[in-house]
Amino acid sequence: MTKYERIVFWSAEDNRFVVEVPELPGCMADGETVEEAIRNSDVVINEWIETAKSLGRIIPEPKGRLQYA
């Protein structure tokens, strides 16, 4: 499992759960259940990173949650 932030929401239009990965532009996955959508996002994140590497692009570091003092 990767450490990138993920936003999971229900898409009535697609009738599926959707996962967005804001730190990786255009990186999204879906599934019939939340669990499936998250599993699919693991695959898509890895593919996004491999494609970025092959194109010589910068891969953002996972930011995680902001912590306040």
PDB file of N, CA and C in Angstrom:
ATOM      1  N   MET A   1       0.847  -1.189   0.000  1.00  0.00           N
ATOM      2  CA  MET A   1       0.000   0.000   0.000  1.00  0.00           C
ATOM      3  C   MET A   1       0.886   1.245   0.000  1.00  0.00           C
ATOM      4  N   THR A   2       0.538   2.196  -0.819  1.00  0.00           N
ATOM      5  CA  THR A   2       1.319   3.422  -0.914  1.00  0.00           C
ATOM      6  C   THR A   2       0.861   4.441   0.125  1.00  0.00           C
ATOM      7  N   LYS A   3       1.652   5.483   0.301  1.00  0.00           N
ATOM      8  CA  LYS A   3       1.380   6.464   1.357  1.00  0.00           C
ATOM      9  C   LYS A   3       0.803   7.773   0.824  1.00  0.00           C
ATOM     10  N   TYR A   4       0.359   7.771  -0.413  1.00  0.00           N
ATOM     11  CA  TYR A   4      -0.224   8.989  -0.964  1.00  0.00           C
ATOM     12  C   TYR A   4      -1.643   9.178  -0.430  1.00  0.00           C
ATOM     13  N   GLU A   5      -2.013  10.445  -0.255  1.00  0.00           N
ATOM     14  CA  GLU A   5      -3.375  10.768   0.172  1.00  0.00           C
ATOM     15  C   GLU A   5      -4.345  10.295  -0.904  1.00  0.00           C
ATOM     16  N   ARG A   6      -5.471   9.764  -0.452  1.00  0.00           N
ATOM     17  CA  ARG A   6      -6.515   9.310  -1.377  1.00  0.00           C
ATOM     18  C   ARG A   6      -7.848   9.870  -0.912  1.00  0.00           C
ATOM     19  N   ILE A   7      -8.647  10.271  -1.866  1.00  0.00           N
ATOM     20  CA  ILE A   7      -9.991  10.751  -1.573  1.00  0.00           C
ATOM     21  C   ILE A   7     -10.955   9.761  -2.213  1.00  0.00           C
ATOM     22  N   VAL A   8     -11.819   9.175  -1.381  1.00  0.00           N
ATOM     23  CA  VAL A   8     -12.777   8.183  -1.862  1.00  0.00           C
ATOM     24  C   VAL A   8     -14.170   8.795  -1.837  1.00  0.00           C
ATOM     25  N   PHE A   9     -14.898   8.643  -2.941  1.00  0.00           N
ATOM     26  CA  PHE A   9     -16.263   9.149  -2.970  1.00  0.00           C
ATOM     27  C   PHE A   9     -17.117   8.275  -3.874  1.00  0.00           C
ATOM     28  N   TRP A  10     -18.422   8.377  -3.690  1.00  0.00           N
ATOM     29  CA  TRP A  10     -19.383   7.646  -4.507  1.00  0.00           C
ATOM     30  C   TRP A  10     -19.731   8.478  -5.730  1.00  0.00           C
ATOM     31  N   SER A  11     -19.696   7.862  -6.902  1.00  0.00           N
ATOM     32  CA  SER A  11     -20.098   8.527  -8.137  1.00  0.00           C
ATOM     33  C   SER A  11     -21.426   7.926  -8.580  1.00  0.00           C
ATOM     34  N   ALA A  12     -22.489   8.689  -8.413  1.00  0.00           N
ATOM     35  CA  ALA A  12     -23.809   8.220  -8.849  1.00  0.00           C
ATOM     36  C   ALA A  12     -23.838   8.065 -10.366  1.00  0.00           C
ATOM     37  N   GLU A  13     -23.118   8.927 -11.056  1.00  0.00           N
ATOM     38  CA  GLU A  13     -23.071   8.877 -12.511  1.00  0.00           C
ATOM     39  C   GLU A  13     -22.483   7.550 -13.015  1.00  0.00           C
ATOM     40  N   ASP A  14     -21.417   7.100 -12.335  1.00  0.00           N
ATOM     41  CA  ASP A  14     -20.746   5.853 -12.726  1.00  0.00           C
ATOM     42  C   ASP A  14     -21.257   4.639 -11.957  1.00  0.00           C
ATOM     43  N   ASN A  15     -22.002   4.907 -10.878  1.00  0.00           N
ATOM     44  CA  ASN A  15     -22.509   3.842 -10.003  1.00  0.00           C
ATOM     45  C   ASN A  15     -21.350   3.030  -9.417  1.00  0.00           C
ATOM     46  N   ARG A  16     -20.287   3.735  -9.030  1.00  0.00           N
ATOM     47  CA  ARG A  16     -19.077   3.101  -8.478  1.00  0.00           C
ATOM     48  C   ARG A  16     -18.416   4.047  -7.475  1.00  0.00           C
ATOM     49  N   PHE A  17     -17.575   3.468  -6.637  1.00  0.00           N
ATOM     50  CA  PHE A  17     -16.733   4.270  -5.763  1.00  0.00           C
ATOM     51  C   PHE A  17     -15.510   4.708  -6.559  1.00  0.00           C
ATOM     52  N   VAL A  18     -15.101   5.952  -6.368  1.00  0.00           N
ATOM     53  CA  VAL A  18     -13.960   6.520  -7.087  1.00  0.00           C
ATOM     54  C   VAL A  18     -12.914   6.945  -6.066  1.00  0.00           C
ATOM     55  N   VAL A  19     -11.649   6.722  -6.411  1.00  0.00           N
ATOM     56  CA  VAL A  19     -10.531   7.155  -5.583  1.00  0.00           C
ATOM     57  C   VAL A  19      -9.703   8.127  -6.402  1.00  0.00           C
ATOM     58  N   GLU A  20      -9.497   9.318  -5.867  1.00  0.00           N
ATOM     59  CA  GLU A  20      -8.601  10.308  -6.472  1.00  0.00           C
ATOM     60  C   GLU A  20      -7.325  10.370  -5.648  1.00  0.00           C
ATOM     61  N   VAL A  21      -6.204  10.575  -6.326  1.00  0.00           N
ATOM     62  CA  VAL A  21      -4.907  10.728  -5.654  1.00  0.00           C
ATOM     63  C   VAL A  21      -4.409  12.127  -6.004  1.00  0.00           C
ATOM     64  N   PRO A  22      -4.745  13.130  -5.166  1.00  0.00           N
ATOM     65  CA  PRO A  22      -4.472  14.526  -5.509  1.00  0.00           C
ATOM     66  C   PRO A  22      -3.003  14.855  -5.779  1.00  0.00           C
ATOM     67  N   GLU A  23      -2.090  14.142  -5.130  1.00  0.00           N
ATOM     68  CA  GLU A  23      -0.662  14.453  -5.298  1.00  0.00           C
ATOM     69  C   GLU A  23      -0.099  13.958  -6.632  1.00  0.00           C
ATOM     70  N   LEU A  24      -0.844  13.080  -7.309  1.00  0.00           N
ATOM     71  CA  LEU A  24      -0.413  12.542  -8.594  1.00  0.00           C
ATOM     72  C   LEU A  24      -1.453  12.949  -9.650  1.00  0.00           C
ATOM     73  N   PRO A  25      -1.215  14.018 -10.379  1.00  0.00           N
ATOM     74  CA  PRO A  25      -2.204  14.554 -11.310  1.00  0.00           C
ATOM     75  C   PRO A  25      -2.771  13.500 -12.258  1.00  0.00           C
ATOM     76  N   GLY A  26      -4.097  13.448 -12.312  1.00  0.00           N
ATOM     77  CA  GLY A  26      -4.780  12.528 -13.205  1.00  0.00           C
ATOM     78  C   GLY A  26      -4.876  11.108 -12.710  1.00  0.00           C
ATOM     79  N   CYS A  27      -4.360  10.840 -11.523  1.00  0.00           N
ATOM     80  CA  CYS A  27      -4.349   9.476 -10.981  1.00  0.00           C
ATOM     81  C   CYS A  27      -5.670   9.198 -10.272  1.00  0.00           C
ATOM     82  N   MET A  28      -6.455   8.271 -10.850  1.00  0.00           N
ATOM     83  CA  MET A  28      -7.762   7.910 -10.295  1.00  0.00           C
ATOM     84  C   MET A  28      -8.011   6.427 -10.540  1.00  0.00           C
ATOM     85  N   ALA A  29      -8.867   5.853  -9.696  1.00  0.00           N
ATOM     86  CA  ALA A  29      -9.289   4.463  -9.859  1.00  0.00           C
ATOM     87  C   ALA A  29     -10.730   4.358  -9.395  1.00  0.00           C
ATOM     88  N   ASP A  30     -11.353   3.218  -9.702  1.00  0.00           N
ATOM     89  CA  ASP A  30     -12.718   3.013  -9.227  1.00  0.00           C
ATOM     90  C   ASP A  30     -12.935   1.552  -8.877  1.00  0.00           C
ATOM     91  N   GLY A  31     -14.098   1.273  -8.305  1.00  0.00           N
ATOM     92  CA  GLY A  31     -14.454  -0.091  -7.961  1.00  0.00           C
ATOM     93  C   GLY A  31     -15.886  -0.166  -7.489  1.00  0.00           C
ATOM     94  N   GLU A  32     -16.422  -1.379  -7.455  1.00  0.00           N
ATOM     95  CA  GLU A  32     -17.794  -1.576  -7.004  1.00  0.00           C
ATOM     96  C   GLU A  32     -17.939  -1.395  -5.499  1.00  0.00           C
ATOM     97  N   THR A  33     -16.848  -1.603  -4.755  1.00  0.00           N
ATOM     98  CA  THR A  33     -16.841  -1.392  -3.302  1.00  0.00           C
ATOM     99  C   THR A  33     -15.695  -0.448  -2.961  1.00  0.00           C
ATOM    100  N   VAL A  34     -15.720   0.109  -1.756  1.00  0.00           N
ATOM    101  CA  VAL A  34     -14.611   0.968  -1.310  1.00  0.00           C
ATOM    102  C   VAL A  34     -13.306   0.179  -1.323  1.00  0.00           C
ATOM    103  N   GLU A  35     -13.363  -1.043  -0.823  1.00  0.00           N
ATOM    104  CA  GLU A  35     -12.163  -1.871  -0.749  1.00  0.00           C
ATOM    105  C   GLU A  35     -11.581  -2.137  -2.132  1.00  0.00           C
ATOM    106  N   GLU A  36     -12.445  -2.454  -3.089  1.00  0.00           N
ATOM    107  CA  GLU A  36     -11.981  -2.708  -4.453  1.00  0.00           C
ATOM    108  C   GLU A  36     -11.386  -1.440  -5.060  1.00  0.00           C
ATOM    109  N   ALA A  37     -12.024  -0.312  -4.838  1.00  0.00           N
ATOM    110  CA  ALA A  37     -11.518   0.949  -5.376  1.00  0.00           C
ATOM    111  C   ALA A  37     -10.135   1.269  -4.810  1.00  0.00           C
ATOM    112  N   ILE A  38      -9.938   1.029  -3.527  1.00  0.00           N
ATOM    113  CA  ILE A  38      -8.630   1.289  -2.908  1.00  0.00           C
ATOM    114  C   ILE A  38      -7.584   0.324  -3.448  1.00  0.00           C
ATOM    115  N   ARG A  39      -7.940  -0.956  -3.587  1.00  0.00           N
ATOM    116  CA  ARG A  39      -6.997  -1.927  -4.176  1.00  0.00           C
ATOM    117  C   ARG A  39      -6.622  -1.499  -5.595  1.00  0.00           C
ATOM    118  N   ASN A  40      -7.616  -1.087  -6.360  1.00  0.00           N
ATOM    119  CA  ASN A  40      -7.350  -0.640  -7.731  1.00  0.00           C
ATOM    120  C   ASN A  40      -6.473   0.605  -7.744  1.00  0.00           C
ATOM    121  N   SER A  41      -6.640   1.469  -6.741  1.00  0.00           N
ATOM    122  CA  SER A  41      -5.811   2.675  -6.688  1.00  0.00           C
ATOM    123  C   SER A  41      -4.352   2.323  -6.424  1.00  0.00           C
ATOM    124  N   ASP A  42      -4.087   1.250  -5.660  1.00  0.00           N
ATOM    125  CA  ASP A  42      -2.698   0.805  -5.463  1.00  0.00           C
ATOM    126  C   ASP A  42      -2.046   0.491  -6.809  1.00  0.00           C
ATOM    127  N   VAL A  43      -2.771  -0.213  -7.659  1.00  0.00           N
ATOM    128  CA  VAL A  43      -2.260  -0.592  -8.981  1.00  0.00           C
ATOM    129  C   VAL A  43      -2.022   0.656  -9.823  1.00  0.00           C
ATOM    130  N   VAL A  44      -2.993   1.557  -9.843  1.00  0.00           N
ATOM    131  CA  VAL A  44      -2.890   2.762 -10.673  1.00  0.00           C
ATOM    132  C   VAL A  44      -1.770   3.678 -10.187  1.00  0.00           C
ATOM    133  N   ILE A  45      -1.605   3.797  -8.877  1.00  0.00           N
ATOM    134  CA  ILE A  45      -0.506   4.614  -8.336  1.00  0.00           C
ATOM    135  C   ILE A  45       0.836   4.053  -8.793  1.00  0.00           C
ATOM    136  N   ASN A  46       1.012   2.742  -8.681  1.00  0.00           N
ATOM    137  CA  ASN A  46       2.276   2.129  -9.118  1.00  0.00           C
ATOM    138  C   ASN A  46       2.502   2.339 -10.608  1.00  0.00           C
ATOM    139  N   GLU A  47       1.451   2.220 -11.413  1.00  0.00           N
ATOM    140  CA  GLU A  47       1.574   2.455 -12.853  1.00  0.00           C
ATOM    141  C   GLU A  47       1.905   3.919 -13.145  1.00  0.00           C
ATOM    142  N   TRP A  48       1.281   4.836 -12.397  1.00  0.00           N
ATOM    143  CA  TRP A  48       1.550   6.263 -12.580  1.00  0.00           C
ATOM    144  C   TRP A  48       3.031   6.537 -12.317  1.00  0.00           C
ATOM    145  N   ILE A  49       3.557   5.989 -11.220  1.00  0.00           N
ATOM    146  CA  ILE A  49       4.957   6.201 -10.837  1.00  0.00           C
ATOM    147  C   ILE A  49       5.894   5.606 -11.886  1.00  0.00           C
ATOM    148  N   GLU A  50       5.619   4.386 -12.345  1.00  0.00           N
ATOM    149  CA  GLU A  50       6.467   3.751 -13.361  1.00  0.00           C
ATOM    150  C   GLU A  50       6.474   4.553 -14.663  1.00  0.00           C
ATOM    151  N   THR A  51       5.312   5.052 -15.061  1.00  0.00           N
ATOM    152  CA  THR A  51       5.231   5.866 -16.279  1.00  0.00           C
ATOM    153  C   THR A  51       6.018   7.160 -16.110  1.00  0.00           C
ATOM    154  N   ALA A  52       5.861   7.811 -14.960  1.00  0.00           N
ATOM    155  CA  ALA A  52       6.606   9.054 -14.704  1.00  0.00           C
ATOM    156  C   ALA A  52       8.108   8.799 -14.743  1.00  0.00           C
ATOM    157  N   LYS A  53       8.561   7.702 -14.145  1.00  0.00           N
ATOM    158  CA  LYS A  53       9.991   7.356 -14.167  1.00  0.00           C
ATOM    159  C   LYS A  53      10.476   7.174 -15.599  1.00  0.00           C
ATOM    160  N   SER A  54       9.697   6.431 -16.395  1.00  0.00           N
ATOM    161  CA  SER A  54      10.124   6.147 -17.772  1.00  0.00           C
ATOM    162  C   SER A  54      10.176   7.408 -18.624  1.00  0.00           C
ATOM    163  N   LEU A  55       9.388   8.423 -18.257  1.00  0.00           N
ATOM    164  CA  LEU A  55       9.382   9.691 -18.989  1.00  0.00           C
ATOM    165  C   LEU A  55      10.335  10.722 -18.387  1.00  0.00           C
ATOM    166  N   GLY A  56      11.024  10.339 -17.310  1.00  0.00           N
ATOM    167  CA  GLY A  56      11.972  11.240 -16.667  1.00  0.00           C
ATOM    168  C   GLY A  56      11.321  12.355 -15.881  1.00  0.00           C
ATOM    169  N   ARG A  57      10.090  12.149 -15.468  1.00  0.00           N
ATOM    170  CA  ARG A  57       9.372  13.186 -14.713  1.00  0.00           C
ATOM    171  C   ARG A  57       9.633  13.060 -13.215  1.00  0.00           C
ATOM    172  N   ILE A  58       9.436  14.150 -12.516  1.00  0.00           N
ATOM    173  CA  ILE A  58       9.599  14.176 -11.062  1.00  0.00           C
ATOM    174  C   ILE A  58       8.410  13.461 -10.421  1.00  0.00           C
ATOM    175  N   ILE A  59       8.707  12.619  -9.443  1.00  0.00           N
ATOM    176  CA  ILE A  59       7.654  11.903  -8.719  1.00  0.00           C
ATOM    177  C   ILE A  59       7.497  12.579  -7.363  1.00  0.00           C
ATOM    178  N   PRO A  60       6.318  13.141  -7.088  1.00  0.00           N
ATOM    179  CA  PRO A  60       6.109  13.824  -5.810  1.00  0.00           C
ATOM    180  C   PRO A  60       6.247  12.870  -4.621  1.00  0.00           C
ATOM    181  N   GLU A  61       6.836  13.372  -3.547  1.00  0.00           N
ATOM    182  CA  GLU A  61       6.892  12.610  -2.308  1.00  0.00           C
ATOM    183  C   GLU A  61       5.521  12.668  -1.637  1.00  0.00           C
ATOM    184  N   PRO A  62       5.089  11.574  -1.016  1.00  0.00           N
ATOM    185  CA  PRO A  62       3.821  11.640  -0.279  1.00  0.00           C
ATOM    186  C   PRO A  62       3.912  12.672   0.838  1.00  0.00           C
ATOM    187  N   LYS A  63       2.925  13.542   0.933  1.00  0.00           N
ATOM    188  CA  LYS A  63       2.943  14.595   1.956  1.00  0.00           C
ATOM    189  C   LYS A  63       2.368  14.117   3.271  1.00  0.00           C
ATOM    190  N   GLY A  64       1.413  13.216   3.227  1.00  0.00           N
ATOM    191  CA  GLY A  64       0.761  12.795   4.459  1.00  0.00           C
ATOM    192  C   GLY A  64      -0.090  13.918   5.008  1.00  0.00           C
ATOM    193  N   ARG A  65      -0.561  13.762   6.204  1.00  0.00           N
ATOM    194  CA  ARG A  65      -1.402  14.781   6.838  1.00  0.00           C
ATOM    195  C   ARG A  65      -0.561  15.926   7.369  1.00  0.00           C
ATOM    196  N   LEU A  66      -1.148  17.121   7.317  1.00  0.00           N
ATOM    197  CA  LEU A  66      -0.475  18.272   7.910  1.00  0.00           C
ATOM    198  C   LEU A  66      -0.551  18.160   9.424  1.00  0.00           C
ATOM    199  N   GLN A  67       0.524  18.496  10.079  1.00  0.00           N
ATOM    200  CA  GLN A  67       0.528  18.479  11.542  1.00  0.00           C
ATOM    201  C   GLN A  67       0.707  19.904  12.029  1.00  0.00           C
ATOM    202  N   TYR A  68      -0.078  20.248  13.026  1.00  0.00           N
ATOM    203  CA  TYR A  68      -0.028  21.594  13.567  1.00  0.00           C
ATOM    204  C   TYR A  68       0.571  21.561  14.956  1.00  0.00           C
ATOM    205  N   ALA A  69       1.348  22.605  15.287  1.00  0.00           N
ATOM    206  CA  ALA A  69       1.993  22.696  16.606  1.00  0.00           C
ATOM    207  C   ALA A  69       1.000  23.179  17.633  1.00  0.00           C
TER     208      ALA A  69
END
